[in-house]
Amino acid sequence: MTILNLTQHRASNAQKNEGVIDLPERTRGELLKLLTFDEIPTKEVIEERARRISKLAKQTINELNLNEVGFMVGGAPFLMPALTEELKKLGKPLFAFSKRVTKEEVMSDGSTKKISIFKHEGFIEV
């Protein structure tokens, strides 16, 4: 199964190894605009954005001639119910599951720097 990345972030190497592909650049810019909210949206705005994101996904499916398709989704929690309902018409909406791995590094001045790394573990179907 090919999984289209419909999030604001590019797919990690681990996600790519599981079949995730980013949208083509010409489409990705529009996706980012649709996922970004600068004001509190109305229900109608949320539903329209979900439809438009689904339309971008369908366009990519057709362009790349994909058959079995999943969609990696994530972002504004208030958008997810409408978006996953729209995407169910085309394939499987999926949320990425990551573990936070924390590493500590002692610096030359004796202070400690803490780094969190998100390690992709798999997908959860909605």
C-alpha atoms as a PDB file:
ATOM      1  CA  MET A   1       0.000   0.000   0.000  1.00  0.00           C
ATOM      2  CA  THR A   2       1.178   3.505  -0.811  1.00  0.00           C
ATOM      3  CA  ILE A   3       0.577   6.050   1.938  1.00  0.00           C
ATOM      4  CA  LEU A   4       0.221   9.696   0.908  1.00  0.00           C
ATOM      5  CA  ASN A   5       1.626  12.158   3.414  1.00  0.00           C
ATOM      6  CA  LEU A   6      -1.081  14.732   4.119  1.00  0.00           C
ATOM      7  CA  THR A   7       0.697  16.398   7.054  1.00  0.00           C
ATOM      8  CA  GLN A   8       2.720  19.612   7.316  1.00  0.00           C
ATOM      9  CA  HIS A   9       5.946  17.684   7.785  1.00  0.00           C
ATOM     10  CA  ARG A  10       7.898  15.729   5.208  1.00  0.00           C
ATOM     11  CA  ALA A  11       7.937  11.967   5.677  1.00  0.00           C
ATOM     12  CA  SER A  12      10.842  10.585   7.694  1.00  0.00           C
ATOM     13  CA  ASN A  13      13.073   7.860   6.266  1.00  0.00           C
ATOM     14  CA  ALA A  14      11.378   5.323   8.562  1.00  0.00           C
ATOM     15  CA  GLN A  15       7.971   6.379   7.219  1.00  0.00           C
ATOM     16  CA  LYS A  16       9.218   6.233   3.631  1.00  0.00           C
ATOM     17  CA  ASN A  17      10.401   2.689   4.309  1.00  0.00           C
ATOM     18  CA  GLU A  18       6.778   1.829   5.167  1.00  0.00           C
ATOM     19  CA  GLY A  19       5.495   3.217   1.862  1.00  0.00           C
ATOM     20  CA  VAL A  20       4.856   6.883   2.696  1.00  0.00           C
ATOM     21  CA  ILE A  21       5.358   9.385  -0.113  1.00  0.00           C
ATOM     22  CA  ASP A  22       5.176  13.166   0.071  1.00  0.00           C
ATOM     23  CA  LEU A  23       2.860  14.989  -2.303  1.00  0.00           C
ATOM     24  CA  PRO A  24       4.504  16.489  -5.398  1.00  0.00           C
ATOM     25  CA  GLU A  25       5.925  19.964  -4.693  1.00  0.00           C
ATOM     26  CA  ARG A  26       3.329  21.764  -6.828  1.00  0.00           C
ATOM     27  CA  THR A  27       0.579  20.180  -4.723  1.00  0.00           C
ATOM     28  CA  ARG A  28       2.353  20.267  -1.360  1.00  0.00           C
ATOM     29  CA  GLY A  29       2.277  24.073  -1.204  1.00  0.00           C
ATOM     30  CA  GLU A  30      -1.497  24.078  -1.508  1.00  0.00           C
ATOM     31  CA  LEU A  31      -1.767  21.328   1.124  1.00  0.00           C
ATOM     32  CA  LEU A  32       0.258  23.408   3.591  1.00  0.00           C
ATOM     33  CA  LYS A  33      -2.059  26.382   3.073  1.00  0.00           C
ATOM     34  CA  LEU A  34      -5.122  24.211   3.664  1.00  0.00           C
ATOM     35  CA  LEU A  35      -3.654  22.751   6.860  1.00  0.00           C
ATOM     36  CA  THR A  36      -2.765  26.154   8.320  1.00  0.00           C
ATOM     37  CA  PHE A  37      -5.369  28.124  10.269  1.00  0.00           C
ATOM     38  CA  ASP A  38      -4.637  31.727  11.248  1.00  0.00           C
ATOM     39  CA  GLU A  39      -8.087  32.349  12.719  1.00  0.00           C
ATOM     40  CA  ILE A  40     -10.708  30.252  14.471  1.00  0.00           C
ATOM     41  CA  PRO A  41     -12.495  28.453  11.620  1.00  0.00           C
ATOM     42  CA  THR A  42     -16.210  27.883  11.225  1.00  0.00           C
ATOM     43  CA  LYS A  43     -17.599  24.394  10.716  1.00  0.00           C
ATOM     44  CA  GLU A  44     -18.113  25.281   7.041  1.00  0.00           C
ATOM     45  CA  VAL A  45     -14.466  26.314   6.621  1.00  0.00           C
ATOM     46  CA  ILE A  46     -13.288  23.079   8.254  1.00  0.00           C
ATOM     47  CA  GLU A  47     -15.508  20.963   6.004  1.00  0.00           C
ATOM     48  CA  GLU A  48     -14.428  22.852   2.877  1.00  0.00           C
ATOM     49  CA  ARG A  49     -10.750  22.439   3.721  1.00  0.00           C
ATOM     50  CA  ALA A  50     -11.273  18.723   4.325  1.00  0.00           C
ATOM     51  CA  ARG A  51     -12.942  18.400   0.900  1.00  0.00           C
ATOM     52  CA  ARG A  52     -10.141  20.329  -0.789  1.00  0.00           C
ATOM     53  CA  ILE A  53      -7.426  18.219   0.865  1.00  0.00           C
ATOM     54  CA  SER A  54      -9.283  15.075  -0.202  1.00  0.00           C
ATOM     55  CA  LYS A  55      -9.445  16.477  -3.742  1.00  0.00           C
ATOM     56  CA  LEU A  56      -5.650  16.997  -3.706  1.00  0.00           C
ATOM     57  CA  ALA A  57      -5.239  13.411  -2.540  1.00  0.00           C
ATOM     58  CA  LYS A  58      -7.502  12.102  -5.315  1.00  0.00           C
ATOM     59  CA  GLN A  59      -5.605  14.157  -7.894  1.00  0.00           C
ATOM     60  CA  THR A  60      -2.320  12.635  -6.709  1.00  0.00           C
ATOM     61  CA  ILE A  61      -3.792   9.111  -6.742  1.00  0.00           C
ATOM     62  CA  ASN A  62      -4.869   9.620 -10.348  1.00  0.00           C
ATOM     63  CA  GLU A  63      -1.592  11.237 -11.451  1.00  0.00           C
ATOM     64  CA  LEU A  64       0.515   8.461  -9.926  1.00  0.00           C
ATOM     65  CA  ASN A  65      -1.945   5.719 -10.910  1.00  0.00           C
ATOM     66  CA  LEU A  66      -2.127   4.341  -7.364  1.00  0.00           C
ATOM     67  CA  ASN A  67      -4.423   1.494  -6.359  1.00  0.00           C
ATOM     68  CA  GLU A  68      -4.451   0.646  -2.648  1.00  0.00           C
ATOM     69  CA  VAL A  69      -3.900   3.934  -0.814  1.00  0.00           C
ATOM     70  CA  GLY A  70      -3.557   5.111   2.763  1.00  0.00           C
ATOM     71  CA  PHE A  71      -3.256   8.669   4.028  1.00  0.00           C
ATOM     72  CA  MET A  72      -0.955   9.804   6.816  1.00  0.00           C
ATOM     73  CA  VAL A  73      -2.887  12.567   8.564  1.00  0.00           C
ATOM     74  CA  GLY A  74      -2.137  14.836  11.471  1.00  0.00           C
ATOM     75  CA  GLY A  75      -2.383  18.446  12.473  1.00  0.00           C
ATOM     76  CA  ALA A  76      -5.160  20.581  13.894  1.00  0.00           C
ATOM     77  CA  PRO A  77      -7.328  18.223  15.995  1.00  0.00           C
ATOM     78  CA  PHE A  78     -10.504  20.071  14.965  1.00  0.00           C
ATOM     79  CA  LEU A  79      -9.805  19.264  11.286  1.00  0.00           C
ATOM     80  CA  MET A  80      -9.177  15.528  11.720  1.00  0.00           C
ATOM     81  CA  PRO A  81     -12.788  14.248  12.036  1.00  0.00           C
ATOM     82  CA  ALA A  82     -13.926  15.986   8.834  1.00  0.00           C
ATOM     83  CA  LEU A  83     -10.709  15.108   6.997  1.00  0.00           C
ATOM     84  CA  THR A  84     -10.737  11.429   7.930  1.00  0.00           C
ATOM     85  CA  GLU A  85     -14.394  11.118   6.869  1.00  0.00           C
ATOM     86  CA  GLU A  86     -13.589  12.607   3.453  1.00  0.00           C
ATOM     87  CA  LEU A  87     -10.503  10.408   3.023  1.00  0.00           C
ATOM     88  CA  LYS A  88     -12.389   7.203   3.900  1.00  0.00           C
ATOM     89  CA  LYS A  89     -14.090   7.605   0.510  1.00  0.00           C
ATOM     90  CA  LEU A  90     -10.675   7.137  -1.154  1.00  0.00           C
ATOM     91  CA  GLY A  91      -8.684   4.841   1.121  1.00  0.00           C
ATOM     92  CA  LYS A  92      -7.450   4.407   4.699  1.00  0.00           C
ATOM     93  CA  PRO A  93      -6.732   7.418   6.925  1.00  0.00           C
ATOM     94  CA  LEU A  94      -3.807   6.642   9.234  1.00  0.00           C
ATOM     95  CA  PHE A  95      -2.151   8.390  12.155  1.00  0.00           C
ATOM     96  CA  ALA A  96       1.581   7.900  12.657  1.00  0.00           C
ATOM     97  CA  PHE A  97       2.645   6.492  16.015  1.00  0.00           C
ATOM     98  CA  SER A  98       5.996   7.678  17.336  1.00  0.00           C
ATOM     99  CA  LYS A  99       7.977   7.059  20.489  1.00  0.00           C
ATOM    100  CA  ARG A 100       9.847   9.932  22.048  1.00  0.00           C
ATOM    101  CA  VAL A 101      13.432   8.898  22.719  1.00  0.00           C
ATOM    102  CA  THR A 102      15.317  11.243  25.032  1.00  0.00           C
ATOM    103  CA  LYS A 103      19.098  11.504  24.979  1.00  0.00           C
ATOM    104  CA  GLU A 104      21.280  13.524  27.290  1.00  0.00           C
ATOM    105  CA  GLU A 105      24.660  14.971  26.405  1.00  0.00           C
ATOM    106  CA  VAL A 106      27.025  16.491  28.961  1.00  0.00           C
ATOM    107  CA  MET A 107      28.468  19.706  27.567  1.00  0.00           C
ATOM    108  CA  SER A 108      32.034  20.931  28.030  1.00  0.00           C
ATOM    109  CA  ASP A 109      30.866  23.428  30.696  1.00  0.00           C
ATOM    110  CA  GLY A 110      29.260  20.636  32.739  1.00  0.00           C
ATOM    111  CA  SER A 111      25.685  21.480  31.756  1.00  0.00           C
ATOM    112  CA  THR A 112      23.440  18.822  30.273  1.00  0.00           C
ATOM    113  CA  LYS A 113      21.717  19.132  26.917  1.00  0.00           C
ATOM    114  CA  LYS A 114      18.588  17.032  26.513  1.00  0.00           C
ATOM    115  CA  ILE A 115      17.430  16.030  23.022  1.00  0.00           C
ATOM    116  CA  SER A 116      14.093  14.443  22.148  1.00  0.00           C
ATOM    117  CA  ILE A 117      13.921  12.335  19.015  1.00  0.00           C
ATOM    118  CA  PHE A 118      10.621  11.099  17.654  1.00  0.00           C
ATOM    119  CA  LYS A 119      11.077   7.516  16.425  1.00  0.00           C
ATOM    120  CA  HIS A 120       8.433   6.292  13.986  1.00  0.00           C
ATOM    121  CA  GLU A 121       6.919   2.989  15.186  1.00  0.00           C
ATOM    122  CA  GLY A 122       3.989   2.439  12.827  1.00  0.00           C
ATOM    123  CA  PHE A 123       0.484   3.541  11.926  1.00  0.00           C
ATOM    124  CA  ILE A 124      -2.926   3.524  13.571  1.00  0.00           C
ATOM    125  CA  GLU A 125      -5.955   3.231  11.281  1.00  0.00           C
ATOM    126  CA  VAL A 126      -8.914   5.454  12.139  1.00  0.00           C
END
